[in-house]
Amino acid sequence: MADDDDDRFGMPQSAFEAARDSHGRDSPVYRVGMYVPTRGEVASLPVEDLRVILIDWMWECPSELIPNNDQISAVRSILAKRSDASDPRVVQLISECDSYLEI
């Protein structure tokens, strides 16, 4: 899975289904944090787009999608390998991952 660009950090489909069930499948209210990025997206999305996705997943997701330390460590590792890893915005995202891991 670690080399699968389409992998969502091992998050099982059942977790997404449970989150939709608990939030209400027909709810007109959009729940932030319901989107878990793929490994490929972490490696390649523009940093500003990725920032919103990662912050929402780490800090605002429903309980069924809460990332564990291994998942955030994997995100951090991919961020550190990006060609723009020295960009202050990517450095900030890595710092956000570090803050999450300190909890």
N, C-alpha and C. Protein backbone atom coordinates (compact mmCIF):
# COMPACT_ATOMS: atom_id res chain seq x y z
N MET A 1 0.80 -1.20 0.00
CA MET A 1 0.00 0.00 0.00
C MET A 1 0.85 1.27 0.00
N ALA A 2 1.99 1.21 0.64
CA ALA A 2 2.81 2.41 0.76
C ALA A 2 3.30 2.92 -0.59
N ASP A 3 3.29 2.07 -1.61
CA ASP A 3 3.72 2.52 -2.93
C ASP A 3 2.54 2.74 -3.87
N ASP A 4 1.33 2.67 -3.36
CA ASP A 4 0.11 2.86 -4.15
C ASP A 4 -0.33 4.31 -4.05
N ASP A 5 -0.19 5.05 -5.14
CA ASP A 5 -0.56 6.47 -5.14
C ASP A 5 -2.03 6.71 -4.83
N ASP A 6 -2.87 5.71 -5.05
CA ASP A 6 -4.31 5.86 -4.80
C ASP A 6 -4.73 5.45 -3.39
N ASP A 7 -3.77 4.95 -2.61
CA ASP A 7 -4.07 4.54 -1.23
C ASP A 7 -4.34 5.76 -0.36
N ARG A 8 -5.36 5.66 0.46
CA ARG A 8 -5.71 6.74 1.40
C ARG A 8 -5.17 6.40 2.79
N PHE A 9 -3.88 6.10 2.83
CA PHE A 9 -3.15 5.83 4.06
C PHE A 9 -3.78 4.69 4.85
N GLY A 10 -4.26 3.69 4.11
CA GLY A 10 -4.81 2.50 4.75
C GLY A 10 -6.18 2.69 5.36
N MET A 11 -6.81 3.82 5.15
CA MET A 11 -8.14 4.07 5.71
C MET A 11 -9.12 3.14 4.98
N PRO A 12 -9.78 2.26 5.72
CA PRO A 12 -10.68 1.32 5.07
C PRO A 12 -11.97 1.98 4.59
N GLN A 13 -12.53 1.43 3.53
CA GLN A 13 -13.79 1.95 3.00
C GLN A 13 -14.87 1.95 4.07
N SER A 14 -14.82 0.98 4.96
CA SER A 14 -15.84 0.89 6.02
C SER A 14 -15.82 2.13 6.92
N ALA A 15 -14.66 2.75 7.09
CA ALA A 15 -14.58 3.97 7.91
C ALA A 15 -15.31 5.12 7.23
N PHE A 16 -15.17 5.22 5.91
CA PHE A 16 -15.88 6.27 5.17
C PHE A 16 -17.39 6.04 5.23
N GLU A 17 -17.79 4.79 5.09
CA GLU A 17 -19.22 4.45 5.16
C GLU A 17 -19.78 4.77 6.54
N ALA A 18 -19.05 4.41 7.58
CA ALA A 18 -19.50 4.70 8.95
C ALA A 18 -19.60 6.20 9.20
N ALA A 19 -18.65 6.96 8.67
CA ALA A 19 -18.69 8.42 8.84
C ALA A 19 -19.91 9.01 8.13
N ARG A 20 -20.19 8.51 6.94
CA ARG A 20 -21.38 9.00 6.21
C ARG A 20 -22.65 8.62 6.96
N ASP A 21 -22.68 7.42 7.52
CA ASP A 21 -23.86 6.99 8.27
C ASP A 21 -24.06 7.85 9.52
N SER A 22 -22.99 8.11 10.25
CA SER A 22 -23.13 8.86 11.50
C SER A 22 -23.46 10.33 11.24
N HIS A 23 -23.01 10.86 10.12
CA HIS A 23 -23.28 12.26 9.79
C HIS A 23 -24.64 12.42 9.14
N GLY A 24 -25.12 11.35 8.55
CA GLY A 24 -26.40 11.41 7.84
C GLY A 24 -26.15 11.50 6.35
N ARG A 25 -26.40 10.43 5.66
CA ARG A 25 -26.11 10.37 4.22
C ARG A 25 -26.85 11.43 3.43
N ASP A 26 -28.02 11.82 3.88
CA ASP A 26 -28.80 12.81 3.14
C ASP A 26 -28.72 14.20 3.75
N SER A 27 -27.80 14.38 4.67
CA SER A 27 -27.66 15.68 5.32
C SER A 27 -27.21 16.74 4.31
N PRO A 28 -27.88 17.88 4.30
CA PRO A 28 -27.46 18.96 3.40
C PRO A 28 -26.24 19.73 3.91
N VAL A 29 -25.82 19.42 5.12
CA VAL A 29 -24.67 20.11 5.73
C VAL A 29 -23.39 19.38 5.35
N TYR A 30 -22.43 20.13 4.83
CA TYR A 30 -21.14 19.56 4.46
C TYR A 30 -20.28 19.42 5.71
N ARG A 31 -19.77 18.25 5.95
CA ARG A 31 -18.91 18.00 7.11
C ARG A 31 -17.46 18.03 6.65
N VAL A 32 -16.68 18.97 7.17
CA VAL A 32 -15.26 19.03 6.81
C VAL A 32 -14.55 17.84 7.43
N GLY A 33 -13.44 17.49 6.84
CA GLY A 33 -12.65 16.38 7.34
C GLY A 33 -13.08 15.03 6.83
N MET A 34 -14.05 14.99 5.94
CA MET A 34 -14.53 13.71 5.40
C MET A 34 -13.65 13.22 4.26
N TYR A 35 -12.76 14.07 3.78
CA TYR A 35 -11.89 13.68 2.67
C TYR A 35 -10.51 13.33 3.19
N VAL A 36 -10.07 12.11 2.92
CA VAL A 36 -8.72 11.66 3.26
C VAL A 36 -7.93 11.65 1.96
N PRO A 37 -6.83 12.38 1.89
CA PRO A 37 -6.08 12.44 0.64
C PRO A 37 -5.40 11.11 0.31
N THR A 38 -5.10 10.94 -0.95
CA THR A 38 -4.32 9.78 -1.37
C THR A 38 -2.84 10.10 -1.19
N ARG A 39 -2.03 9.07 -1.22
CA ARG A 39 -0.58 9.28 -1.15
C ARG A 39 -0.12 10.13 -2.34
N GLY A 40 -0.69 9.86 -3.49
CA GLY A 40 -0.33 10.63 -4.69
C GLY A 40 -0.70 12.09 -4.57
N GLU A 41 -1.84 12.37 -3.95
CA GLU A 41 -2.25 13.76 -3.76
C GLU A 41 -1.31 14.48 -2.80
N VAL A 42 -0.89 13.81 -1.75
CA VAL A 42 0.05 14.43 -0.80
C VAL A 42 1.37 14.74 -1.51
N ALA A 43 1.74 13.87 -2.44
CA ALA A 43 3.00 14.07 -3.16
C ALA A 43 2.92 15.15 -4.23
N SER A 44 1.71 15.42 -4.74
CA SER A 44 1.68 16.25 -5.93
C SER A 44 0.72 17.44 -5.94
N LEU A 45 -0.25 17.47 -5.07
CA LEU A 45 -1.20 18.60 -5.09
C LEU A 45 -0.49 19.91 -4.77
N PRO A 46 -0.99 21.00 -5.34
CA PRO A 46 -0.45 22.31 -4.94
C PRO A 46 -0.60 22.45 -3.41
N VAL A 47 0.40 23.00 -2.80
CA VAL A 47 0.46 23.03 -1.33
C VAL A 47 -0.75 23.73 -0.71
N GLU A 48 -1.25 24.77 -1.32
CA GLU A 48 -2.40 25.47 -0.74
C GLU A 48 -3.66 24.61 -0.76
N ASP A 49 -3.85 23.83 -1.82
CA ASP A 49 -4.98 22.90 -1.87
C ASP A 49 -4.80 21.78 -0.84
N LEU A 50 -3.58 21.27 -0.78
CA LEU A 50 -3.29 20.17 0.14
C LEU A 50 -3.43 20.61 1.59
N ARG A 51 -3.03 21.82 1.89
CA ARG A 51 -3.10 22.32 3.27
C ARG A 51 -4.52 22.22 3.82
N VAL A 52 -5.50 22.65 3.07
CA VAL A 52 -6.89 22.61 3.52
C VAL A 52 -7.32 21.17 3.79
N ILE A 53 -6.99 20.28 2.87
CA ILE A 53 -7.37 18.88 3.02
C ILE A 53 -6.73 18.27 4.25
N LEU A 54 -5.43 18.46 4.42
CA LEU A 54 -4.72 17.84 5.55
C LEU A 54 -5.17 18.40 6.89
N ILE A 55 -5.30 19.71 6.98
CA ILE A 55 -5.71 20.32 8.25
C ILE A 55 -7.11 19.86 8.62
N ASP A 56 -8.01 19.84 7.66
CA ASP A 56 -9.37 19.35 7.94
C ASP A 56 -9.36 17.89 8.38
N TRP A 57 -8.57 17.07 7.71
CA TRP A 57 -8.51 15.65 8.09
C TRP A 57 -7.93 15.48 9.50
N MET A 58 -6.84 16.16 9.79
CA MET A 58 -6.20 15.99 11.09
C MET A 58 -7.04 16.55 12.23
N TRP A 59 -7.66 17.71 12.03
CA TRP A 59 -8.26 18.41 13.17
C TRP A 59 -9.78 18.48 13.16
N GLU A 60 -10.43 18.19 12.03
CA GLU A 60 -11.88 18.38 11.96
C GLU A 60 -12.67 17.13 11.53
N CYS A 61 -12.00 16.04 11.30
CA CYS A 61 -12.68 14.86 10.76
C CYS A 61 -13.61 14.22 11.79
N PRO A 62 -14.60 13.45 11.30
CA PRO A 62 -15.44 12.69 12.22
C PRO A 62 -14.60 11.59 12.87
N SER A 63 -15.08 11.09 13.98
CA SER A 63 -14.30 10.12 14.76
C SER A 63 -13.92 8.87 13.96
N GLU A 64 -14.73 8.50 12.99
CA GLU A 64 -14.44 7.30 12.21
C GLU A 64 -13.22 7.46 11.29
N LEU A 65 -12.82 8.70 11.04
CA LEU A 65 -11.72 8.97 10.11
C LEU A 65 -10.50 9.59 10.79
N ILE A 66 -10.46 9.60 12.10
CA ILE A 66 -9.32 10.19 12.81
C ILE A 66 -8.05 9.45 12.41
N PRO A 67 -7.06 10.19 11.92
CA PRO A 67 -5.81 9.54 11.52
C PRO A 67 -5.00 9.12 12.74
N ASN A 68 -4.31 8.00 12.60
CA ASN A 68 -3.43 7.55 13.67
C ASN A 68 -2.01 8.08 13.41
N ASN A 69 -1.13 7.87 14.35
CA ASN A 69 0.22 8.40 14.23
C ASN A 69 0.97 7.83 13.03
N ASP A 70 0.74 6.54 12.72
CA ASP A 70 1.41 5.96 11.56
C ASP A 70 0.98 6.64 10.27
N GLN A 71 -0.31 6.96 10.16
CA GLN A 71 -0.81 7.62 8.96
C GLN A 71 -0.21 9.02 8.82
N ILE A 72 -0.18 9.77 9.90
CA ILE A 72 0.37 11.14 9.83
C ILE A 72 1.88 11.09 9.63
N SER A 73 2.54 10.11 10.19
CA SER A 73 3.99 9.95 9.94
C SER A 73 4.24 9.68 8.46
N ALA A 74 3.38 8.89 7.84
CA ALA A 74 3.51 8.61 6.41
C ALA A 74 3.27 9.88 5.58
N VAL A 75 2.27 10.66 5.97
CA VAL A 75 2.02 11.94 5.30
C VAL A 75 3.27 12.81 5.41
N ARG A 76 3.81 12.90 6.61
CA ARG A 76 5.00 13.73 6.85
C ARG A 76 6.17 13.30 5.98
N SER A 77 6.36 11.99 5.88
CA SER A 77 7.45 11.44 5.07
C SER A 77 7.30 11.81 3.60
N ILE A 78 6.08 11.72 3.09
CA ILE A 78 5.84 12.09 1.70
C ILE A 78 6.07 13.58 1.50
N LEU A 79 5.60 14.39 2.42
CA LEU A 79 5.82 15.84 2.32
C LEU A 79 7.31 16.16 2.28
N ALA A 80 8.09 15.49 3.11
CA ALA A 80 9.53 15.75 3.19
C ALA A 80 10.26 15.37 1.90
N LYS A 81 9.66 14.49 1.10
CA LYS A 81 10.28 14.05 -0.15
C LYS A 81 9.83 14.85 -1.37
N ARG A 82 8.88 15.76 -1.18
CA ARG A 82 8.40 16.57 -2.31
C ARG A 82 9.53 17.44 -2.86
N SER A 83 9.45 17.74 -4.14
CA SER A 83 10.48 18.59 -4.74
C SER A 83 10.44 20.01 -4.16
N ASP A 84 9.29 20.40 -3.62
CA ASP A 84 9.16 21.73 -3.02
C ASP A 84 9.21 21.67 -1.48
N ALA A 85 9.86 20.65 -0.95
CA ALA A 85 9.89 20.45 0.50
C ALA A 85 10.49 21.62 1.26
N SER A 86 11.31 22.43 0.61
CA SER A 86 11.91 23.58 1.30
C SER A 86 11.01 24.81 1.25
N ASP A 87 9.93 24.75 0.49
CA ASP A 87 8.96 25.84 0.44
C ASP A 87 8.42 26.05 1.86
N PRO A 88 8.39 27.28 2.33
CA PRO A 88 7.92 27.53 3.70
C PRO A 88 6.51 26.98 3.97
N ARG A 89 5.68 26.92 2.94
CA ARG A 89 4.32 26.39 3.15
C ARG A 89 4.35 24.88 3.37
N VAL A 90 5.25 24.18 2.71
CA VAL A 90 5.40 22.74 2.93
C VAL A 90 6.05 22.51 4.28
N VAL A 91 7.03 23.32 4.62
CA VAL A 91 7.67 23.22 5.94
C VAL A 91 6.61 23.41 7.03
N GLN A 92 5.69 24.33 6.83
CA GLN A 92 4.61 24.56 7.79
C GLN A 92 3.70 23.33 7.90
N LEU A 93 3.40 22.70 6.77
CA LEU A 93 2.58 21.48 6.81
C LEU A 93 3.28 20.36 7.56
N ILE A 94 4.58 20.24 7.35
CA ILE A 94 5.36 19.23 8.09
C ILE A 94 5.29 19.55 9.58
N SER A 95 5.38 20.82 9.93
CA SER A 95 5.27 21.24 11.33
C SER A 95 3.89 20.90 11.90
N GLU A 96 2.84 21.06 11.08
CA GLU A 96 1.49 20.68 11.51
C GLU A 96 1.43 19.18 11.81
N CYS A 97 2.07 18.39 10.97
CA CYS A 97 2.12 16.95 11.22
C CYS A 97 2.86 16.67 12.53
N ASP A 98 3.96 17.35 12.75
CA ASP A 98 4.71 17.18 14.00
C ASP A 98 3.85 17.55 15.20
N SER A 99 3.09 18.63 15.09
CA SER A 99 2.20 19.03 16.19
C SER A 99 1.15 17.97 16.45
N TYR A 100 0.60 17.40 15.41
CA TYR A 100 -0.40 16.34 15.56
C TYR A 100 0.22 15.13 16.28
N LEU A 101 1.44 14.79 15.91
CA LEU A 101 2.10 13.62 16.49
C LEU A 101 2.48 13.83 17.95
N GLU A 102 2.56 15.06 18.40
CA GLU A 102 2.92 15.37 19.79
C GLU A 102 1.76 15.16 20.74
N ILE A 103 0.55 15.09 20.23
CA ILE A 103 -0.63 14.97 21.09
C ILE A 103 -0.64 13.63 21.80
